[in-house]
Amino acid sequence: MSKRHYIAVYTDSGFLCGCEHQHSNIATATACISQPGGYVVAVQRGKSLPLTEAEEAEFQQLMYGRPASVQPALDLAVVVNGKGAGKLMSA
């Protein structure tokens, strides 16, 4: 099974941009976010995946100092893969 890693992503002029690192954890990927509105996406076998509930909670805690259940999160993996852009998923 391919190891899961994380990338920091953001949008610019309608394009999804990401760091070129393969972060081994949410904390280092979050620290790599360089633009307002940045997010972290999981990657496995070259496919972008949504964060699990536990990963999303960790990201929200690191980024904003609060748990994830406050608002729904945009499923950037769906946007990256080009299917259902703009779909919201519950955090």
Protein backbone atom coordinates (compact mmCIF):
# COMPACT_ATOMS: atom_id res chain seq x y z
CA MET A 1 0.00 0.00 0.00
CA SER A 2 1.29 3.42 -0.94
CA LYS A 3 2.14 5.76 1.90
CA ARG A 4 -0.22 8.70 2.44
CA HIS A 5 1.32 12.18 2.49
CA TYR A 6 0.01 15.74 2.63
CA ILE A 7 0.41 18.93 0.59
CA ALA A 8 -0.44 22.56 1.31
CA VAL A 9 -2.78 24.00 -1.35
CA TYR A 10 -4.36 27.34 -2.26
CA THR A 11 -6.11 28.84 -5.26
CA ASP A 12 -4.76 31.57 -7.52
CA SER A 13 -6.74 32.98 -10.47
CA GLY A 14 -8.98 29.93 -10.49
CA PHE A 15 -6.11 27.42 -10.43
CA LEU A 16 -5.36 25.06 -7.57
CA CYS A 17 -1.72 25.43 -6.55
CA GLY A 18 0.22 23.34 -4.06
CA CYS A 19 3.59 23.03 -2.47
CA GLU A 20 5.95 20.50 -4.02
CA HIS A 21 6.73 18.77 -0.74
CA GLN A 22 5.49 15.41 0.45
CA HIS A 23 4.75 16.20 4.10
CA SER A 24 4.53 13.19 6.37
CA ASN A 25 2.04 14.85 8.71
CA ILE A 26 -0.67 17.51 8.94
CA ALA A 27 1.42 19.83 11.12
CA THR A 28 4.27 20.29 8.63
CA ALA A 29 1.85 20.65 5.71
CA THR A 30 -0.11 23.30 7.63
CA ALA A 31 3.13 25.17 8.39
CA CYS A 32 3.84 25.19 4.64
CA ILE A 33 0.65 27.14 3.80
CA SER A 34 1.82 30.44 2.33
CA GLN A 35 -1.41 32.06 1.11
CA PRO A 36 -4.61 33.18 2.87
CA GLY A 37 -7.31 30.54 2.61
CA GLY A 38 -4.77 27.74 2.25
CA TYR A 39 -5.69 24.17 3.07
CA VAL A 40 -4.12 20.73 3.37
CA VAL A 41 -4.96 17.81 1.08
CA ALA A 42 -4.01 14.17 1.54
CA VAL A 43 -2.36 12.35 -1.39
CA GLN A 44 -2.05 8.62 -1.90
CA ARG A 45 -0.99 6.84 -5.10
CA GLY A 46 -0.97 10.19 -6.90
CA LYS A 47 -4.63 10.94 -6.10
CA SER A 48 -5.81 13.80 -3.93
CA LEU A 49 -8.05 12.68 -1.10
CA PRO A 50 -10.16 14.54 1.46
CA LEU A 51 -8.84 14.62 4.99
CA THR A 52 -10.38 12.14 7.41
CA GLU A 53 -12.44 13.55 10.27
CA ALA A 54 -9.47 13.18 12.62
CA GLU A 55 -7.11 14.85 10.13
CA GLU A 56 -9.58 17.70 9.54
CA ALA A 57 -9.90 18.25 13.30
CA GLU A 58 -6.10 18.37 13.60
CA PHE A 59 -5.84 20.84 10.70
CA GLN A 60 -8.53 23.10 12.18
CA GLN A 61 -6.83 23.00 15.60
CA LEU A 62 -3.43 23.86 14.11
CA MET A 63 -4.75 26.54 11.78
CA TYR A 64 -7.42 28.21 13.87
CA GLY A 65 -7.07 26.86 17.40
CA ARG A 66 -10.52 25.26 17.35
CA PRO A 67 -12.09 21.94 16.38
CA ALA A 68 -13.44 21.32 12.89
CA SER A 69 -17.12 20.89 13.62
CA VAL A 70 -17.82 24.64 13.43
CA GLN A 71 -18.48 24.90 9.65
CA PRO A 72 -18.54 22.55 6.66
CA ALA A 73 -15.27 22.22 4.79
CA LEU A 74 -14.79 22.47 1.04
CA ASP A 75 -13.80 19.09 -0.37
CA LEU A 76 -10.68 20.20 -2.26
CA ALA A 77 -9.95 16.65 -3.36
CA VAL A 78 -13.13 16.84 -5.45
CA VAL A 79 -11.98 20.17 -6.91
CA VAL A 80 -8.49 18.78 -7.63
CA ASN A 81 -9.92 15.75 -9.41
CA GLY A 82 -12.31 17.97 -11.41
CA LYS A 83 -15.56 16.36 -10.32
CA GLY A 84 -18.30 18.33 -8.59
CA ALA A 85 -16.30 21.52 -8.07
CA GLY A 86 -17.60 23.53 -5.17
CA LYS A 87 -19.22 20.59 -3.39
CA LEU A 88 -19.38 21.01 0.36
CA MET A 89 -18.91 18.18 2.79
CA SER A 90 -19.63 18.07 6.48
CA ALA A 91 -16.59 18.49 8.69
